[in-house]
Amino acid sequence: MSSLQAVSAQRLYRLIADQIASKISAGEFAPGERLPAERELAEQLNVARSTLREALIALEIGGYIEVRVGSGVFVVDPRDRSMPMSTDSRPADEGADGSGAANAALLAAAREASPFELLETRMLIEPECAALAAQQGSKEQIAAIEEAHRQMNPDQSPEASDFAHDRAFHQAIAAACGNAALASMVTHVWDLCEASPLYKRLDKHFVDAPAWRAAIGEHERIVSAIVARDPIRARHAMSFHLLAIVSRLSEDITA
């Protein structure tokens, strides 16, 4: 009896990336050539703009293209390609405490969850955390939310420390919701975001100083609602903030 090989299900954005990479390798797009606009490519491929955006970021990580926000997407000379096209990261070696296996599992999960799926998950969880924090957060927990918000500097482009403060702000809200399971889910989703090469590259391209200031203003409205013990306003403010993030990460690459 012949044996059958296991088939791995590929994510749609990876299939799209492989298709475009094949065309680049076949010379259908020359080095230095600008690819068609995202809207046109999405229509040709019959996929959502968000899926195409994820495919393009995967291609950039693989060294096939260069994304120039404000100008477009350009094919990279294969001689300048530093690595094969992959969104994978090498798993860490397993330590005596098993942390390597845990890190490898996290990286594997981060590769499976696309950036916009991670944001969709946050939109399902974090607005309710904000509402619960407004209802149930202690004075000390709300003070921690306010302090995390104060740590973010709106007067400059975001740096690595600012993203750490951003995470601390959202986790402080989750910690104040009174539900340990929800708080743990928020932590896990943020871990996945930080472990995702695609998510980090999207941030690099689209979270500039104006976007950072907008996010801090949105945080201000969330804090105000929680301090006022207004769960409805807190839920709406968090939903608005996360939808605004999706919008900023979906902005046209060309000016």
C-alpha atoms as a PDB file:
ATOM      1  CA  MET A   1       0.000   0.000   0.000  1.00  0.00           C
ATOM      2  CA  SER A   2       1.458   3.363  -0.993  1.00  0.00           C
ATOM      3  CA  SER A   3       1.920   5.931   1.727  1.00  0.00           C
ATOM      4  CA  LEU A   4       0.462   9.398   1.584  1.00  0.00           C
ATOM      5  CA  GLN A   5       2.459  12.488   2.486  1.00  0.00           C
ATOM      6  CA  ALA A   6       1.099  14.880   5.032  1.00  0.00           C
ATOM      7  CA  VAL A   7      -0.103  18.153   3.566  1.00  0.00           C
ATOM      8  CA  SER A   8       0.389  21.375   5.479  1.00  0.00           C
ATOM      9  CA  ALA A   9      -2.255  24.051   5.127  1.00  0.00           C
ATOM     10  CA  GLN A  10      -0.667  27.297   3.990  1.00  0.00           C
ATOM     11  CA  ARG A  11      -2.052  30.652   4.932  1.00  0.00           C
ATOM     12  CA  LEU A  12      -3.538  32.650   2.049  1.00  0.00           C
ATOM     13  CA  TYR A  13      -1.034  35.498   2.375  1.00  0.00           C
ATOM     14  CA  ARG A  14       1.814  32.956   2.027  1.00  0.00           C
ATOM     15  CA  LEU A  15       0.274  31.534  -1.141  1.00  0.00           C
ATOM     16  CA  ILE A  16       0.016  35.053  -2.539  1.00  0.00           C
ATOM     17  CA  ALA A  17       3.615  35.799  -1.536  1.00  0.00           C
ATOM     18  CA  ASP A  18       4.823  32.589  -3.204  1.00  0.00           C
ATOM     19  CA  GLN A  19       2.957  33.480  -6.409  1.00  0.00           C
ATOM     20  CA  ILE A  20       4.479  36.961  -6.589  1.00  0.00           C
ATOM     21  CA  ALA A  21       7.928  35.611  -5.649  1.00  0.00           C
ATOM     22  CA  SER A  22       7.703  33.089  -8.500  1.00  0.00           C
ATOM     23  CA  LYS A  23       6.911  35.864 -10.972  1.00  0.00           C
ATOM     24  CA  ILE A  24       9.846  37.912  -9.688  1.00  0.00           C
ATOM     25  CA  SER A  25      12.183  34.901  -9.937  1.00  0.00           C
ATOM     26  CA  ALA A  26      10.936  34.217 -13.475  1.00  0.00           C
ATOM     27  CA  GLY A  27      11.830  37.763 -14.497  1.00  0.00           C
ATOM     28  CA  GLU A  28       8.276  38.994 -15.005  1.00  0.00           C
ATOM     29  CA  PHE A  29       9.155  41.880 -12.694  1.00  0.00           C
ATOM     30  CA  ALA A  30      12.652  43.277 -13.245  1.00  0.00           C
ATOM     31  CA  PRO A  31      14.983  44.468 -10.454  1.00  0.00           C
ATOM     32  CA  GLY A  32      14.159  48.056  -9.579  1.00  0.00           C
ATOM     33  CA  GLU A  33      10.715  47.847 -11.176  1.00  0.00           C
ATOM     34  CA  ARG A  34       7.767  49.106  -9.182  1.00  0.00           C
ATOM     35  CA  LEU A  35       4.978  46.596  -8.640  1.00  0.00           C
ATOM     36  CA  PRO A  36       1.401  47.573  -9.532  1.00  0.00           C
ATOM     37  CA  ALA A  37      -0.520  49.462  -6.856  1.00  0.00           C
ATOM     38  CA  GLU A  38      -1.865  47.418  -3.955  1.00  0.00           C
ATOM     39  CA  ARG A  39      -5.468  48.019  -4.980  1.00  0.00           C
ATOM     40  CA  GLU A  40      -4.754  46.750  -8.508  1.00  0.00           C
ATOM     41  CA  LEU A  41      -2.855  43.687  -7.254  1.00  0.00           C
ATOM     42  CA  ALA A  42      -5.623  42.853  -4.770  1.00  0.00           C
ATOM     43  CA  GLU A  43      -8.217  43.048  -7.541  1.00  0.00           C
ATOM     44  CA  GLN A  44      -6.133  40.858  -9.871  1.00  0.00           C
ATOM     45  CA  LEU A  45      -5.640  38.245  -7.157  1.00  0.00           C
ATOM     46  CA  ASN A  46      -9.200  38.600  -5.819  1.00  0.00           C
ATOM     47  CA  VAL A  47      -8.011  38.951  -2.220  1.00  0.00           C
ATOM     48  CA  ALA A  48      -8.553  41.510   0.527  1.00  0.00           C
ATOM     49  CA  ARG A  49      -6.138  44.424   0.755  1.00  0.00           C
ATOM     50  CA  SER A  50      -5.109  43.276   4.239  1.00  0.00           C
ATOM     51  CA  THR A  51      -4.122  39.827   2.886  1.00  0.00           C
ATOM     52  CA  LEU A  52      -2.092  41.402   0.092  1.00  0.00           C
ATOM     53  CA  ARG A  53      -0.413  43.753   2.569  1.00  0.00           C
ATOM     54  CA  GLU A  54       0.663  40.760   4.670  1.00  0.00           C
ATOM     55  CA  ALA A  55       2.010  39.016   1.550  1.00  0.00           C
ATOM     56  CA  LEU A  56       4.022  42.084   0.561  1.00  0.00           C
ATOM     57  CA  ILE A  57       5.519  42.374   4.039  1.00  0.00           C
ATOM     58  CA  ALA A  58       6.469  38.668   3.899  1.00  0.00           C
ATOM     59  CA  LEU A  59       8.141  39.281   0.515  1.00  0.00           C
ATOM     60  CA  GLU A  60      10.054  42.228   1.939  1.00  0.00           C
ATOM     61  CA  ILE A  61      11.286  40.157   4.886  1.00  0.00           C
ATOM     62  CA  GLY A  62      12.393  37.541   2.352  1.00  0.00           C
ATOM     63  CA  GLY A  63      14.352  40.113   0.376  1.00  0.00           C
ATOM     64  CA  TYR A  64      12.256  40.059  -2.803  1.00  0.00           C
ATOM     65  CA  ILE A  65      10.889  43.587  -2.611  1.00  0.00           C
ATOM     66  CA  GLU A  66      11.419  46.857  -0.801  1.00  0.00           C
ATOM     67  CA  VAL A  67       8.439  48.757   0.571  1.00  0.00           C
ATOM     68  CA  ARG A  68       8.933  52.510   0.331  1.00  0.00           C
ATOM     69  CA  VAL A  69       6.029  54.213   2.048  1.00  0.00           C
ATOM     70  CA  GLY A  70       5.064  57.199  -0.077  1.00  0.00           C
ATOM     71  CA  SER A  71       6.610  55.782  -3.268  1.00  0.00           C
ATOM     72  CA  GLY A  72       5.515  52.192  -3.762  1.00  0.00           C
ATOM     73  CA  VAL A  73       6.826  48.626  -3.741  1.00  0.00           C
ATOM     74  CA  PHE A  74      10.015  47.893  -5.715  1.00  0.00           C
ATOM     75  CA  VAL A  75      11.652  44.636  -6.797  1.00  0.00           C
ATOM     76  CA  VAL A  76      15.047  43.987  -5.207  1.00  0.00           C
ATOM     77  CA  ASP A  77      17.996  42.803  -7.312  1.00  0.00           C
ATOM     78  CA  PRO A  78      18.448  39.067  -6.552  1.00  0.00           C
ATOM     79  CA  ARG A  79      22.141  39.721  -5.952  1.00  0.00           C
ATOM     80  CA  ASP A  80      21.115  41.861  -2.975  1.00  0.00           C
ATOM     81  CA  ARG A  81      18.779  39.215  -1.585  1.00  0.00           C
ATOM     82  CA  SER A  82      20.103  38.213   1.829  1.00  0.00           C
ATOM     83  CA  MET A  83      17.832  35.241   2.583  1.00  0.00           C
ATOM     84  CA  PRO A  84      15.254  32.936   1.017  1.00  0.00           C
ATOM     85  CA  MET A  85      11.650  34.071   1.245  1.00  0.00           C
ATOM     86  CA  SER A  86      10.367  32.998   4.659  1.00  0.00           C
ATOM     87  CA  THR A  87       8.490  34.482   7.569  1.00  0.00           C
ATOM     88  CA  ASP A  88       9.865  31.813   9.880  1.00  0.00           C
ATOM     89  CA  SER A  89      12.271  32.430  12.716  1.00  0.00           C
ATOM     90  CA  ARG A  90      14.667  29.806  13.982  1.00  0.00           C
ATOM     91  CA  PRO A  91      13.437  28.235  17.202  1.00  0.00           C
ATOM     92  CA  ALA A  92      15.450  28.883  20.306  1.00  0.00           C
ATOM     93  CA  ASP A  93      17.443  26.047  21.849  1.00  0.00           C
ATOM     94  CA  GLU A  94      15.660  24.393  24.720  1.00  0.00           C
ATOM     95  CA  GLY A  95      17.090  25.290  28.097  1.00  0.00           C
ATOM     96  CA  ALA A  96      17.076  23.290  31.290  1.00  0.00           C
ATOM     97  CA  ASP A  97      13.807  24.907  32.338  1.00  0.00           C
ATOM     98  CA  GLY A  98      12.095  24.096  29.044  1.00  0.00           C
ATOM     99  CA  SER A  99      11.963  27.779  28.073  1.00  0.00           C
ATOM    100  CA  GLY A 100      13.382  27.010  24.627  1.00  0.00           C
ATOM    101  CA  ALA A 101      10.440  24.746  23.836  1.00  0.00           C
ATOM    102  CA  ALA A 102       8.038  27.423  25.069  1.00  0.00           C
ATOM    103  CA  ASN A 103       9.746  30.052  22.889  1.00  0.00           C
ATOM    104  CA  ALA A 104       9.625  27.746  19.873  1.00  0.00           C
ATOM    105  CA  ALA A 105       5.910  27.168  20.441  1.00  0.00           C
ATOM    106  CA  LEU A 106       5.327  30.917  20.703  1.00  0.00           C
ATOM    107  CA  LEU A 107       7.243  31.566  17.468  1.00  0.00           C
ATOM    108  CA  ALA A 108       5.287  28.849  15.688  1.00  0.00           C
ATOM    109  CA  ALA A 109       2.002  30.365  16.863  1.00  0.00           C
ATOM    110  CA  ALA A 110       3.169  33.850  15.847  1.00  0.00           C
ATOM    111  CA  ARG A 111       3.951  32.589  12.330  1.00  0.00           C
ATOM    112  CA  GLU A 112       0.455  31.131  12.006  1.00  0.00           C
ATOM    113  CA  ALA A 113      -1.400  34.242  13.199  1.00  0.00           C
ATOM    114  CA  SER A 114      -1.262  37.037  10.649  1.00  0.00           C
ATOM    115  CA  PRO A 115      -0.966  40.670  11.843  1.00  0.00           C
ATOM    116  CA  PHE A 116      -4.558  41.565  11.025  1.00  0.00           C
ATOM    117  CA  GLU A 117      -5.807  38.402  12.723  1.00  0.00           C
ATOM    118  CA  LEU A 118      -3.926  39.437  15.853  1.00  0.00           C
ATOM    119  CA  LEU A 119      -5.577  42.857  15.712  1.00  0.00           C
ATOM    120  CA  GLU A 120      -8.965  41.232  15.173  1.00  0.00           C
ATOM    121  CA  THR A 121      -8.367  39.157  18.303  1.00  0.00           C
ATOM    122  CA  ARG A 122      -7.457  42.258  20.274  1.00  0.00           C
ATOM    123  CA  MET A 123     -10.679  43.913  19.088  1.00  0.00           C
ATOM    124  CA  LEU A 124     -12.668  40.986  20.451  1.00  0.00           C
ATOM    125  CA  ILE A 125     -10.992  41.055  23.870  1.00  0.00           C
ATOM    126  CA  GLU A 126      -9.595  44.439  24.854  1.00  0.00           C
ATOM    127  CA  PRO A 127     -12.733  46.611  24.606  1.00  0.00           C
ATOM    128  CA  GLU A 128     -14.436  44.371  27.147  1.00  0.00           C
ATOM    129  CA  CYS A 129     -11.334  44.519  29.362  1.00  0.00           C
ATOM    130  CA  ALA A 130     -11.571  48.325  29.280  1.00  0.00           C
ATOM    131  CA  ALA A 131     -15.273  48.216  30.211  1.00  0.00           C
ATOM    132  CA  LEU A 132     -14.597  45.837  33.085  1.00  0.00           C
ATOM    133  CA  ALA A 133     -11.656  47.930  34.278  1.00  0.00           C
ATOM    134  CA  ALA A 134     -13.956  50.965  34.462  1.00  0.00           C
ATOM    135  CA  GLN A 135     -16.392  48.956  36.561  1.00  0.00           C
ATOM    136  CA  GLN A 136     -14.108  46.880  38.743  1.00  0.00           C
ATOM    137  CA  GLY A 137     -10.608  48.364  38.744  1.00  0.00           C
ATOM    138  CA  SER A 138      -9.223  49.349  42.132  1.00  0.00           C
ATOM    139  CA  LYS A 139      -7.807  52.815  42.775  1.00  0.00           C
ATOM    140  CA  GLU A 140      -4.309  51.342  42.653  1.00  0.00           C
ATOM    141  CA  GLN A 141      -4.980  49.583  39.350  1.00  0.00           C
ATOM    142  CA  ILE A 142      -6.434  52.699  37.747  1.00  0.00           C
ATOM    143  CA  ALA A 143      -3.444  54.680  39.009  1.00  0.00           C
ATOM    144  CA  ALA A 144      -1.203  52.110  37.279  1.00  0.00           C
ATOM    145  CA  ILE A 145      -3.118  52.664  34.010  1.00  0.00           C
ATOM    146  CA  GLU A 146      -2.650  56.428  34.308  1.00  0.00           C
ATOM    147  CA  GLU A 147       1.058  56.025  35.059  1.00  0.00           C
ATOM    148  CA  ALA A 148       1.592  53.733  32.068  1.00  0.00           C
ATOM    149  CA  HIS A 149      -0.122  56.341  29.898  1.00  0.00           C
ATOM    150  CA  ARG A 150       2.124  59.106  31.251  1.00  0.00           C
ATOM    151  CA  GLN A 151       5.227  57.130  30.337  1.00  0.00           C
ATOM    152  CA  MET A 152       4.500  57.470  26.601  1.00  0.00           C
ATOM    153  CA  ASN A 153       6.170  60.472  24.978  1.00  0.00           C
ATOM    154  CA  PRO A 154       3.991  62.137  22.313  1.00  0.00           C
ATOM    155  CA  ASP A 155       6.684  64.596  21.203  1.00  0.00           C
ATOM    156  CA  GLN A 156       8.940  62.252  19.212  1.00  0.00           C
ATOM    157  CA  SER A 157       8.946  59.267  16.901  1.00  0.00           C
ATOM    158  CA  PRO A 158       8.273  56.027  18.771  1.00  0.00           C
ATOM    159  CA  GLU A 159      11.232  54.019  20.033  1.00  0.00           C
ATOM    160  CA  ALA A 160      11.487  50.492  21.413  1.00  0.00           C
ATOM    161  CA  SER A 161      10.922  51.743  24.957  1.00  0.00           C
ATOM    162  CA  ASP A 162       7.722  53.486  23.862  1.00  0.00           C
ATOM    163  CA  PHE A 163       6.302  50.248  22.495  1.00  0.00           C
ATOM    164  CA  ALA A 164       7.096  48.625  25.838  1.00  0.00           C
ATOM    165  CA  HIS A 165       5.110  51.412  27.539  1.00  0.00           C
ATOM    166  CA  ASP A 166       2.280  50.869  25.036  1.00  0.00           C
ATOM    167  CA  ARG A 167       2.138  47.206  25.997  1.00  0.00           C
ATOM    168  CA  ALA A 168       2.319  48.114  29.690  1.00  0.00           C
ATOM    169  CA  PHE A 169      -0.670  50.439  29.230  1.00  0.00           C
ATOM    170  CA  HIS A 170      -2.857  47.770  27.642  1.00  0.00           C
ATOM    171  CA  GLN A 171      -1.764  45.125  30.121  1.00  0.00           C
ATOM    172  CA  ALA A 172      -2.516  47.458  33.028  1.00  0.00           C
ATOM    173  CA  ILE A 173      -6.072  47.760  31.721  1.00  0.00           C
ATOM    174  CA  ALA A 174      -6.316  43.984  31.390  1.00  0.00           C
ATOM    175  CA  ALA A 175      -4.984  43.530  34.935  1.00  0.00           C
ATOM    176  CA  ALA A 176      -7.705  45.872  36.219  1.00  0.00           C
ATOM    177  CA  CYS A 177     -10.565  43.990  34.535  1.00  0.00           C
ATOM    178  CA  GLY A 178     -10.958  41.541  37.425  1.00  0.00           C
ATOM    179  CA  ASN A 179     -10.770  38.469  35.180  1.00  0.00           C
ATOM    180  CA  ALA A 180      -7.438  36.618  35.288  1.00  0.00           C
ATOM    181  CA  ALA A 181      -8.281  34.533  32.212  1.00  0.00           C
ATOM    182  CA  LEU A 182      -8.952  37.650  30.120  1.00  0.00           C
ATOM    183  CA  ALA A 183      -5.778  39.302  31.399  1.00  0.00           C
ATOM    184  CA  SER A 184      -3.783  36.187  30.469  1.00  0.00           C
ATOM    185  CA  MET A 185      -5.282  36.194  26.973  1.00  0.00           C
ATOM    186  CA  VAL A 186      -4.254  39.829  26.465  1.00  0.00           C
ATOM    187  CA  THR A 187      -0.703  39.001  27.539  1.00  0.00           C
ATOM    188  CA  HIS A 188      -0.555  36.051  25.148  1.00  0.00           C
ATOM    189  CA  VAL A 189      -1.818  38.065  22.176  1.00  0.00           C
ATOM    190  CA  TRP A 190       0.771  40.773  22.863  1.00  0.00           C
ATOM    191  CA  ASP A 191       3.448  38.051  23.057  1.00  0.00           C
ATOM    192  CA  LEU A 192       2.332  36.841  19.633  1.00  0.00           C
ATOM    193  CA  CYS A 193       2.490  40.389  18.232  1.00  0.00           C
ATOM    194  CA  GLU A 194       6.033  40.878  19.517  1.00  0.00           C
ATOM    195  CA  ALA A 195       7.122  37.479  18.148  1.00  0.00           C
ATOM    196  CA  SER A 196       5.633  38.105  14.685  1.00  0.00           C
ATOM    197  CA  PRO A 197       8.147  39.397  12.086  1.00  0.00           C
ATOM    198  CA  LEU A 198       5.256  40.595   9.896  1.00  0.00           C
ATOM    199  CA  TYR A 199       3.619  42.545  12.714  1.00  0.00           C
ATOM    200  CA  LYS A 200       6.908  44.231  13.650  1.00  0.00           C
ATOM    201  CA  ARG A 201       7.659  45.155  10.040  1.00  0.00           C
ATOM    202  CA  LEU A 202       4.202  46.687   9.616  1.00  0.00           C
ATOM    203  CA  ASP A 203       4.814  48.758  12.743  1.00  0.00           C
ATOM    204  CA  LYS A 204       8.171  49.883  11.379  1.00  0.00           C
ATOM    205  CA  HIS A 205       6.627  51.154   8.148  1.00  0.00           C
ATOM    206  CA  PHE A 206       3.440  52.753   9.389  1.00  0.00           C
ATOM    207  CA  VAL A 207       3.821  53.787  13.039  1.00  0.00           C
ATOM    208  CA  ASP A 208       5.553  57.134  12.650  1.00  0.00           C
ATOM    209  CA  ALA A 209       5.436  60.224  14.874  1.00  0.00           C
ATOM    210  CA  PRO A 210       1.954  61.389  13.724  1.00  0.00           C
ATOM    211  CA  ALA A 211       0.539  57.868  14.169  1.00  0.00           C
ATOM    212  CA  TRP A 212       2.133  57.651  17.606  1.00  0.00           C
ATOM    213  CA  ARG A 213       0.618  60.973  18.690  1.00  0.00           C
ATOM    214  CA  ALA A 214      -2.790  59.832  17.420  1.00  0.00           C
ATOM    215  CA  ALA A 215      -2.504  56.600  19.427  1.00  0.00           C
ATOM    216  CA  ILE A 216      -1.616  58.500  22.588  1.00  0.00           C
ATOM    217  CA  GLY A 217      -4.634  60.750  22.080  1.00  0.00           C
ATOM    218  CA  GLU A 218      -6.793  57.640  21.760  1.00  0.00           C
ATOM    219  CA  HIS A 219      -5.241  56.288  24.954  1.00  0.00           C
ATOM    220  CA  GLU A 220      -6.170  59.537  26.682  1.00  0.00           C
ATOM    221  CA  ARG A 221      -9.842  58.952  25.874  1.00  0.00           C
ATOM    222  CA  ILE A 222      -9.632  55.392  27.191  1.00  0.00           C
ATOM    223  CA  VAL A 223      -8.054  56.584  30.452  1.00  0.00           C
ATOM    224  CA  SER A 224     -10.631  59.332  30.847  1.00  0.00           C
ATOM    225  CA  ALA A 225     -13.498  56.846  30.501  1.00  0.00           C
ATOM    226  CA  ILE A 226     -11.967  54.379  32.963  1.00  0.00           C
ATOM    227  CA  VAL A 227     -11.245  57.097  35.533  1.00  0.00           C
ATOM    228  CA  ALA A 228     -14.857  58.275  35.141  1.00  0.00           C
ATOM    229  CA  ARG A 229     -16.037  54.702  35.804  1.00  0.00           C
ATOM    230  CA  ASP A 230     -17.924  54.757  32.502  1.00  0.00           C
ATOM    231  CA  PRO A 231     -17.796  51.214  31.030  1.00  0.00           C
ATOM    232  CA  ILE A 232     -19.737  52.055  27.869  1.00  0.00           C
ATOM    233  CA  ARG A 233     -17.442  54.937  26.981  1.00  0.00           C
ATOM    234  CA  ALA A 234     -14.358  52.870  27.891  1.00  0.00           C
ATOM    235  CA  ARG A 235     -15.466  50.032  25.607  1.00  0.00           C
ATOM    236  CA  HIS A 236     -16.148  52.405  22.735  1.00  0.00           C
ATOM    237  CA  ALA A 237     -12.859  54.265  23.232  1.00  0.00           C
ATOM    238  CA  MET A 238     -10.849  51.040  23.120  1.00  0.00           C
ATOM    239  CA  SER A 239     -12.744  49.796  20.065  1.00  0.00           C
ATOM    240  CA  PHE A 240     -12.101  53.107  18.297  1.00  0.00           C
ATOM    241  CA  HIS A 241      -8.383  52.915  19.176  1.00  0.00           C
ATOM    242  CA  LEU A 242      -7.952  49.394  17.787  1.00  0.00           C
ATOM    243  CA  LEU A 243      -9.926  50.181  14.634  1.00  0.00           C
ATOM    244  CA  ALA A 244      -7.710  53.239  14.170  1.00  0.00           C
ATOM    245  CA  ILE A 245      -4.620  51.011  14.409  1.00  0.00           C
ATOM    246  CA  VAL A 246      -6.012  48.762  11.675  1.00  0.00           C
ATOM    247  CA  SER A 247      -6.692  51.839   9.554  1.00  0.00           C
ATOM    248  CA  ARG A 248      -3.155  53.182  10.020  1.00  0.00           C
ATOM    249  CA  LEU A 249      -1.584  49.824   9.146  1.00  0.00           C
ATOM    250  CA  SER A 250      -3.809  49.656   6.036  1.00  0.00           C
ATOM    251  CA  GLU A 251      -2.932  53.077   4.630  1.00  0.00           C
ATOM    252  CA  ASP A 252      -1.842  53.208   1.006  1.00  0.00           C
ATOM    253  CA  ILE A 253       1.890  52.683   0.533  1.00  0.00           C
ATOM    254  CA  THR A 254       1.999  55.294  -2.219  1.00  0.00           C
ATOM    255  CA  ALA A 255       1.386  58.921  -1.277  1.00  0.00           C
END
